[in-house]
N, C-alpha and C. Protein backbone atom coordinates (compact mmCIF):
# COMPACT_ATOMS: atom_id res chain seq x y z
N MET A 1 0.84 -1.17 0.00
CA MET A 1 0.00 0.00 0.00
C MET A 1 0.88 1.24 0.00
N SER A 2 0.45 2.25 -0.70
CA SER A 2 1.21 3.49 -0.80
C SER A 2 1.29 4.20 0.54
N THR A 3 2.44 4.83 0.79
CA THR A 3 2.58 5.61 2.01
C THR A 3 2.48 7.10 1.72
N GLY A 4 2.22 7.44 0.46
CA GLY A 4 2.12 8.85 0.08
C GLY A 4 0.78 9.44 0.46
N PRO A 5 0.59 10.74 0.17
CA PRO A 5 -0.67 11.40 0.50
C PRO A 5 -1.81 10.85 -0.35
N GLU A 6 -3.00 10.92 0.19
CA GLU A 6 -4.18 10.48 -0.54
C GLU A 6 -4.52 11.50 -1.62
N TRP A 7 -4.84 11.01 -2.83
CA TRP A 7 -5.20 11.93 -3.91
C TRP A 7 -6.66 12.30 -3.76
N THR A 8 -6.95 13.58 -3.69
CA THR A 8 -8.31 14.05 -3.47
C THR A 8 -8.92 14.70 -4.70
N GLY A 9 -8.16 14.82 -5.78
CA GLY A 9 -8.67 15.47 -6.98
C GLY A 9 -8.34 16.94 -7.04
N GLU A 10 -7.72 17.49 -6.00
CA GLU A 10 -7.41 18.91 -5.96
C GLU A 10 -6.35 19.30 -6.98
N LYS A 11 -5.55 18.34 -7.44
CA LYS A 11 -4.46 18.66 -8.36
C LYS A 11 -4.84 18.33 -9.80
N TRP A 12 -6.08 18.52 -10.16
CA TRP A 12 -6.56 18.27 -11.51
C TRP A 12 -6.19 19.48 -12.35
N THR A 13 -4.97 19.51 -12.81
CA THR A 13 -4.42 20.67 -13.50
C THR A 13 -3.66 20.21 -14.73
N THR A 14 -3.00 21.13 -15.39
CA THR A 14 -2.14 20.78 -16.51
C THR A 14 -0.69 20.91 -16.09
N SER A 15 -0.39 20.65 -14.83
CA SER A 15 0.98 20.81 -14.33
C SER A 15 1.72 19.49 -14.23
N GLY A 16 1.16 18.42 -14.79
CA GLY A 16 1.83 17.13 -14.73
C GLY A 16 1.49 16.32 -13.50
N GLU A 17 0.55 16.78 -12.72
CA GLU A 17 0.14 16.02 -11.55
C GLU A 17 -0.77 14.87 -11.98
N ILE A 18 -0.93 13.88 -11.13
CA ILE A 18 -1.86 12.80 -11.43
C ILE A 18 -3.24 13.39 -11.67
N GLY A 19 -3.87 12.95 -12.75
CA GLY A 19 -5.18 13.48 -13.14
C GLY A 19 -5.10 14.55 -14.20
N SER A 20 -3.91 15.04 -14.51
CA SER A 20 -3.77 16.09 -15.53
C SER A 20 -4.16 15.56 -16.90
N PRO A 21 -4.92 16.33 -17.67
CA PRO A 21 -5.30 15.89 -19.01
C PRO A 21 -4.11 15.94 -19.97
N VAL A 22 -4.02 14.94 -20.85
CA VAL A 22 -2.93 14.84 -21.83
C VAL A 22 -3.49 14.37 -23.17
N ALA A 23 -2.71 14.57 -24.22
CA ALA A 23 -3.05 14.08 -25.55
C ALA A 23 -1.84 13.33 -26.12
N ALA A 24 -2.08 12.13 -26.63
CA ALA A 24 -1.04 11.35 -27.31
C ALA A 24 -1.22 11.59 -28.80
N ILE A 25 -0.15 12.03 -29.47
CA ILE A 25 -0.23 12.37 -30.89
C ILE A 25 0.90 11.66 -31.63
N GLY A 26 0.56 10.96 -32.69
CA GLY A 26 1.56 10.27 -33.50
C GLY A 26 0.97 9.85 -34.84
N TYR A 27 1.83 9.54 -35.78
CA TYR A 27 1.40 9.13 -37.12
C TYR A 27 1.39 7.61 -37.23
N VAL A 28 0.26 7.06 -37.59
CA VAL A 28 0.14 5.64 -37.87
C VAL A 28 0.10 5.53 -39.39
N LYS A 29 1.24 5.21 -39.99
CA LYS A 29 1.40 5.28 -41.44
C LYS A 29 0.46 4.36 -42.21
N THR A 30 -0.02 3.29 -41.58
CA THR A 30 -0.97 2.42 -42.27
C THR A 30 -2.35 3.06 -42.38
N ILE A 31 -2.59 4.11 -41.60
CA ILE A 31 -3.86 4.84 -41.64
C ILE A 31 -3.70 6.13 -42.43
N SER A 32 -2.69 6.93 -42.13
CA SER A 32 -2.46 8.20 -42.82
C SER A 32 -1.03 8.68 -42.57
N THR A 33 -0.42 9.25 -43.60
CA THR A 33 0.91 9.84 -43.44
C THR A 33 0.83 11.35 -43.32
N THR A 34 -0.38 11.89 -43.42
CA THR A 34 -0.54 13.35 -43.35
C THR A 34 -1.37 13.82 -42.17
N VAL A 35 -2.18 12.95 -41.61
CA VAL A 35 -3.05 13.32 -40.49
C VAL A 35 -2.65 12.49 -39.27
N PRO A 36 -2.25 13.13 -38.18
CA PRO A 36 -1.84 12.37 -37.00
C PRO A 36 -3.03 11.75 -36.27
N MET A 37 -2.78 10.63 -35.61
CA MET A 37 -3.77 10.02 -34.74
C MET A 37 -3.64 10.69 -33.38
N THR A 38 -4.75 11.06 -32.81
CA THR A 38 -4.75 11.74 -31.51
C THR A 38 -5.70 11.03 -30.56
N SER A 39 -5.26 10.80 -29.34
CA SER A 39 -6.15 10.26 -28.32
C SER A 39 -5.92 11.05 -27.03
N PHE A 40 -6.97 11.18 -26.27
CA PHE A 40 -6.93 11.99 -25.06
C PHE A 40 -7.08 11.13 -23.82
N GLY A 41 -6.48 11.56 -22.73
CA GLY A 41 -6.57 10.83 -21.47
C GLY A 41 -6.03 11.66 -20.33
N HIS A 42 -5.54 10.98 -19.30
CA HIS A 42 -5.02 11.64 -18.10
C HIS A 42 -3.79 10.91 -17.58
N ILE A 43 -2.94 11.64 -16.87
CA ILE A 43 -1.82 11.01 -16.19
C ILE A 43 -2.41 10.19 -15.04
N SER A 44 -2.06 8.91 -15.00
CA SER A 44 -2.66 8.04 -13.99
C SER A 44 -1.68 7.58 -12.91
N THR A 45 -0.40 7.53 -13.23
CA THR A 45 0.60 7.11 -12.24
C THR A 45 1.89 7.87 -12.46
N TRP A 46 2.70 7.92 -11.42
CA TRP A 46 4.00 8.61 -11.49
C TRP A 46 4.97 7.86 -10.61
N TRP A 47 6.04 7.31 -11.20
CA TRP A 47 7.05 6.58 -10.43
C TRP A 47 8.36 7.32 -10.50
N SER A 48 9.07 7.42 -9.40
CA SER A 48 10.43 7.96 -9.39
C SER A 48 11.38 6.77 -9.48
N VAL A 49 11.85 6.49 -10.69
CA VAL A 49 12.76 5.37 -10.90
C VAL A 49 14.09 5.66 -10.22
N MET A 50 14.61 6.86 -10.45
CA MET A 50 15.81 7.35 -9.77
C MET A 50 15.43 8.74 -9.26
N PRO A 51 15.04 8.87 -8.00
CA PRO A 51 14.56 10.15 -7.48
C PRO A 51 15.46 11.32 -7.87
N GLY A 52 14.83 12.34 -8.42
CA GLY A 52 15.54 13.53 -8.84
C GLY A 52 16.18 13.42 -10.21
N ALA A 53 16.15 12.22 -10.81
CA ALA A 53 16.82 12.04 -12.10
C ALA A 53 15.89 11.48 -13.17
N ILE A 54 15.23 10.38 -12.89
CA ILE A 54 14.40 9.72 -13.89
C ILE A 54 13.04 9.40 -13.29
N SER A 55 12.00 9.83 -13.98
CA SER A 55 10.64 9.49 -13.58
C SER A 55 9.94 8.80 -14.74
N THR A 56 9.00 7.95 -14.42
CA THR A 56 8.18 7.27 -15.41
C THR A 56 6.74 7.59 -15.08
N ILE A 57 5.96 7.92 -16.12
CA ILE A 57 4.55 8.19 -15.89
C ILE A 57 3.70 7.16 -16.61
N GLY A 58 2.52 6.95 -16.09
CA GLY A 58 1.52 6.12 -16.75
C GLY A 58 0.38 7.03 -17.17
N PHE A 59 -0.26 6.68 -18.27
CA PHE A 59 -1.38 7.49 -18.75
C PHE A 59 -2.40 6.58 -19.40
N ASP A 60 -3.63 7.05 -19.51
CA ASP A 60 -4.69 6.19 -20.02
C ASP A 60 -5.18 6.55 -21.41
N SER A 61 -4.48 7.41 -22.13
CA SER A 61 -4.85 7.65 -23.53
C SER A 61 -4.31 6.50 -24.37
N ALA A 62 -5.06 6.12 -25.39
CA ALA A 62 -4.68 4.97 -26.21
C ALA A 62 -3.46 5.27 -27.07
N VAL A 63 -2.56 4.29 -27.15
CA VAL A 63 -1.37 4.38 -28.01
C VAL A 63 -1.31 3.07 -28.79
N THR A 64 -1.05 3.16 -30.08
CA THR A 64 -0.99 1.96 -30.90
C THR A 64 0.30 1.91 -31.69
N PHE A 65 0.55 0.77 -32.34
CA PHE A 65 1.75 0.63 -33.16
C PHE A 65 1.78 1.74 -34.20
N GLY A 66 2.93 2.27 -34.47
CA GLY A 66 3.09 3.36 -35.43
C GLY A 66 3.15 4.72 -34.76
N MET A 67 2.69 4.82 -33.52
CA MET A 67 2.73 6.11 -32.83
C MET A 67 4.07 6.36 -32.14
N SER A 68 4.96 5.36 -32.16
CA SER A 68 6.29 5.54 -31.56
C SER A 68 6.98 6.72 -32.23
N GLY A 69 7.60 7.55 -31.43
CA GLY A 69 8.24 8.76 -31.95
C GLY A 69 7.33 9.97 -31.87
N GLY A 70 6.04 9.73 -31.62
CA GLY A 70 5.11 10.82 -31.41
C GLY A 70 5.29 11.34 -29.99
N GLY A 71 4.37 12.16 -29.54
CA GLY A 71 4.53 12.74 -28.22
C GLY A 71 3.30 12.65 -27.34
N LEU A 72 3.53 12.78 -26.05
CA LEU A 72 2.46 12.93 -25.08
C LEU A 72 2.53 14.36 -24.60
N PHE A 73 1.46 15.11 -24.84
CA PHE A 73 1.45 16.54 -24.57
C PHE A 73 0.44 16.89 -23.49
N GLU A 74 0.79 17.91 -22.69
CA GLU A 74 -0.19 18.53 -21.81
C GLU A 74 -1.13 19.30 -22.72
N LEU A 75 -2.29 19.67 -22.22
CA LEU A 75 -3.20 20.46 -23.04
C LEU A 75 -2.74 21.90 -23.20
N THR A 76 -1.65 22.28 -22.51
CA THR A 76 -1.06 23.61 -22.72
C THR A 76 0.05 23.52 -23.77
N GLU A 77 0.11 22.38 -24.48
CA GLU A 77 1.03 22.14 -25.60
C GLU A 77 2.46 21.83 -25.20
N ASN A 78 2.75 21.63 -23.93
CA ASN A 78 4.10 21.24 -23.52
C ASN A 78 4.29 19.75 -23.77
N LEU A 79 5.43 19.37 -24.36
CA LEU A 79 5.76 17.97 -24.58
C LEU A 79 6.19 17.34 -23.27
N TRP A 80 5.59 16.18 -22.93
CA TRP A 80 5.97 15.48 -21.71
C TRP A 80 6.93 14.35 -21.99
N VAL A 81 6.59 13.51 -22.94
CA VAL A 81 7.43 12.35 -23.26
C VAL A 81 7.32 12.02 -24.73
N LEU A 82 8.30 11.28 -25.24
CA LEU A 82 8.20 10.69 -26.56
C LEU A 82 7.60 9.30 -26.39
N LEU A 83 6.69 8.95 -27.28
CA LEU A 83 6.01 7.67 -27.18
C LEU A 83 6.86 6.53 -27.70
N TYR A 84 6.75 5.40 -27.06
CA TYR A 84 7.44 4.19 -27.48
C TYR A 84 6.50 3.03 -27.25
N ARG A 85 6.13 2.34 -28.30
CA ARG A 85 5.18 1.22 -28.19
C ARG A 85 5.88 -0.03 -28.69
N ARG A 86 5.81 -1.09 -27.91
CA ARG A 86 6.40 -2.36 -28.34
C ARG A 86 5.42 -3.49 -28.06
N ALA A 87 5.65 -4.60 -28.71
CA ALA A 87 4.78 -5.76 -28.51
C ALA A 87 4.97 -6.31 -27.10
N PRO A 88 3.88 -6.78 -26.49
CA PRO A 88 3.99 -7.33 -25.13
C PRO A 88 4.80 -8.62 -25.09
């Protein structure tokens, strides 16, 4: 069980907090090479892999093959991560 603070929904912002809205944008060449595929969701988890150095986030917007190299953006247009999708 987590020892961190309980999430109450107060941090529903575009600042990268859990619950922040995001958009995954990438080109799926089998569908279109000129129009990007876009899906919307929220940041759902945040892990500090190496505190102060490397963090990993989880999000619930759909990502599919071909979107690798695209980005996960805040709704204020800031790039959060580059997408990487691989087979399970």
